[in-house]
Amino acid sequence: MPENDLDAKAERMLDAALGGLTPHEALLQASRAEAANQAERAMANEKNRERALKLLAALEKSLG
């Protein structure tokens, strides 16, 4: 396969992967998604911490 054909194919694949976004826009979108994911994980960690503390309190109470 000629090199030009490979370049054109790679360019089409990149365009499809970016979904019509520029590389800069795709990077910004990924960065925002990562920040949102980190916030969700932090909230889940806090909720799990609260549950663990309640469980610990219940265990301590049941043991006397």
Protein backbone atom coordinates (compact mmCIF):
# COMPACT_ATOMS: atom_id res chain seq x y z
CA MET A 1 0.00 0.00 0.00
CA PRO A 2 1.52 3.33 -0.99
CA GLU A 3 2.48 5.69 1.80
CA ASN A 4 0.01 8.35 0.63
CA ASP A 5 -2.84 5.84 0.95
CA LEU A 6 -1.75 5.03 4.51
CA ASP A 7 -1.58 8.72 5.39
CA ALA A 8 -5.05 9.33 3.97
CA LYS A 9 -6.45 6.30 5.78
CA ALA A 10 -4.85 7.40 9.07
CA GLU A 11 -6.25 10.91 8.58
CA ARG A 12 -9.77 9.53 8.02
CA MET A 13 -9.48 7.33 11.11
CA LEU A 14 -8.30 10.30 13.19
CA ASP A 15 -11.17 12.46 11.94
CA ALA A 16 -13.65 9.70 12.80
CA ALA A 17 -12.15 9.23 16.27
CA LEU A 18 -12.34 12.95 17.00
CA GLY A 19 -16.00 13.07 16.02
CA GLY A 20 -15.68 16.32 14.12
CA LEU A 21 -13.73 18.08 16.88
CA THR A 22 -10.37 19.67 16.41
CA PRO A 23 -7.54 18.02 18.37
CA HIS A 24 -7.59 20.99 20.76
CA GLU A 25 -11.34 20.68 21.33
CA ALA A 26 -11.01 16.93 21.91
CA LEU A 27 -8.26 17.51 24.47
CA LEU A 28 -10.39 20.10 26.30
CA GLN A 29 -13.39 17.77 26.30
CA ALA A 30 -11.31 14.90 27.68
CA SER A 31 -9.85 17.17 30.35
CA ARG A 32 -13.31 18.32 31.46
CA ALA A 33 -14.58 14.74 31.56
CA GLU A 34 -11.59 13.69 33.69
CA ALA A 35 -12.21 16.56 36.12
CA ALA A 36 -15.88 15.58 36.43
CA ASN A 37 -14.89 11.96 36.98
CA GLN A 38 -12.50 12.98 39.75
CA ALA A 39 -15.26 14.96 41.47
CA GLU A 40 -17.61 11.98 41.26
CA ARG A 41 -14.96 9.69 42.75
CA ALA A 42 -14.32 12.14 45.58
CA MET A 43 -18.03 12.26 46.40
CA ALA A 44 -18.25 8.45 46.31
CA ASN A 45 -15.23 8.20 48.61
CA GLU A 46 -16.82 10.58 51.11
CA LYS A 47 -20.09 8.66 51.05
CA ASN A 48 -18.21 5.38 51.61
CA ARG A 49 -16.29 6.98 54.49
CA GLU A 50 -19.55 8.07 56.12
CA ARG A 51 -20.99 4.57 55.75
CA ALA A 52 -17.87 3.01 57.23
CA LEU A 53 -18.00 5.35 60.23
CA LYS A 54 -21.66 4.49 60.82
CA LEU A 55 -20.87 0.79 60.58
CA LEU A 56 -17.97 1.16 62.99
CA ALA A 57 -20.18 3.03 65.45
CA ALA A 58 -22.84 0.31 65.21
CA LEU A 59 -20.21 -2.40 65.79
CA GLU A 60 -18.77 -0.59 68.79
CA LYS A 61 -22.25 -0.11 70.23
CA SER A 62 -23.14 -3.79 69.78
CA LEU A 63 -19.92 -4.88 71.50
CA GLY A 64 -20.73 -2.78 74.51
